[in-house]
Amino acid sequence: MDSESFDGPVNIGSEEMVTINQLRTYVMEITGKKLALKNIPGPSGVRGMNSDNKLSREKLGWAPSQSLKIGLRKTYELISQHNHNY
């Protein structure tokens, strides 16, 4: 990865489109915990989020190599190893 030739912010997130409900499902599967889902009426807005990694590919030659779910799982496992309260 060549970052010396570029000085600026870039997105480094997942390009997978994911809703909050999908993210919640990922977290429950990874942690083995149940979370209550209560969708309440509210303003309509963004239905999902993802990252546009075009700039990081162009400027740094980098893009995520794993899915969001795998990244969440690895992050949870790492945190769990260091903090036994999870």
Protein backbone atom coordinates (compact mmCIF):
# COMPACT_ATOMS: atom_id res chain seq x y z
CA MET A 1 0.00 0.00 0.00
CA ASP A 2 1.52 3.32 -1.08
CA SER A 3 0.19 6.11 1.12
CA GLU A 4 3.17 8.43 0.73
CA SER A 5 1.82 9.85 -2.53
CA PHE A 6 -1.64 10.70 -1.15
CA ASP A 7 -2.59 12.84 1.82
CA GLY A 8 -6.31 12.84 2.42
CA PRO A 9 -9.21 11.03 4.02
CA VAL A 10 -10.48 7.82 2.43
CA ASN A 11 -13.30 5.41 3.25
CA ILE A 12 -12.15 2.03 4.48
CA GLY A 13 -15.48 0.41 5.29
CA SER A 14 -17.46 -2.38 3.73
CA GLU A 15 -18.95 -1.87 0.29
CA GLU A 16 -21.80 -4.21 1.27
CA MET A 17 -25.16 -2.46 1.58
CA VAL A 18 -26.41 -3.15 5.09
CA THR A 19 -29.45 -2.01 7.05
CA ILE A 20 -29.52 -1.46 10.79
CA ASN A 21 -31.69 -4.58 11.13
CA GLN A 22 -29.12 -6.63 9.18
CA LEU A 23 -26.32 -5.22 11.34
CA ARG A 24 -28.32 -6.16 14.44
CA THR A 25 -28.71 -9.71 13.11
CA TYR A 26 -24.95 -9.97 12.46
CA VAL A 27 -24.20 -8.80 16.00
CA MET A 28 -26.64 -11.28 17.53
CA GLU A 29 -25.18 -14.16 15.52
CA ILE A 30 -21.60 -13.24 16.41
CA THR A 31 -22.19 -12.60 20.12
CA GLY A 32 -24.80 -15.27 20.72
CA LYS A 33 -26.97 -12.66 22.42
CA LYS A 34 -30.59 -11.76 21.70
CA LEU A 35 -31.46 -8.13 21.14
CA ALA A 36 -35.02 -6.86 21.06
CA LEU A 37 -36.09 -5.30 17.79
CA LYS A 38 -38.58 -2.51 18.03
CA ASN A 39 -39.10 -0.55 14.83
CA ILE A 40 -40.90 2.66 15.64
CA PRO A 41 -42.60 5.11 13.30
CA GLY A 42 -40.36 7.94 12.30
CA PRO A 43 -39.11 9.95 9.38
CA SER A 44 -38.03 8.02 6.31
CA GLY A 45 -34.38 8.35 5.49
CA VAL A 46 -31.46 6.27 4.38
CA ARG A 47 -32.46 2.60 4.05
CA GLY A 48 -28.93 1.24 4.26
CA MET A 49 -25.29 2.30 4.31
CA ASN A 50 -22.14 1.17 2.58
CA SER A 51 -18.71 2.56 1.85
CA ASP A 52 -17.46 3.78 -1.52
CA ASN A 53 -13.87 2.59 -1.59
CA LYS A 54 -13.04 3.87 -5.08
CA LEU A 55 -10.61 6.48 -3.75
CA SER A 56 -8.73 4.03 -1.52
CA ARG A 57 -8.35 1.63 -4.47
CA GLU A 58 -7.17 4.41 -6.80
CA LYS A 59 -4.85 6.25 -4.42
CA LEU A 60 -3.66 3.52 -2.07
CA GLY A 61 -4.20 0.34 -4.03
CA TRP A 62 -6.24 -1.01 -1.13
CA ALA A 63 -9.74 -2.43 -0.71
CA PRO A 64 -11.31 -4.61 1.99
CA SER A 65 -10.57 -8.28 1.48
CA GLN A 66 -13.22 -9.68 3.84
CA SER A 67 -16.92 -9.24 4.38
CA LEU A 68 -18.42 -6.97 7.01
CA LYS A 69 -19.66 -9.98 8.98
CA ILE A 70 -16.20 -11.56 9.11
CA GLY A 71 -14.67 -8.23 10.15
CA LEU A 72 -17.24 -7.81 12.91
CA ARG A 73 -16.59 -11.37 14.12
CA LYS A 74 -12.81 -10.86 14.21
CA THR A 75 -13.20 -7.54 15.99
CA TYR A 76 -15.55 -9.05 18.58
CA GLU A 77 -13.17 -11.97 19.19
CA LEU A 78 -10.22 -9.62 19.64
CA ILE A 79 -12.11 -7.41 22.09
CA SER A 80 -13.42 -10.45 23.96
CA GLN A 81 -9.89 -11.76 24.48
CA HIS A 82 -8.91 -8.53 26.20
CA ASN A 83 -12.10 -7.80 28.12
CA HIS A 84 -13.97 -10.70 29.69
CA ASN A 85 -17.08 -8.60 30.40
CA TYR A 86 -18.46 -9.21 26.88
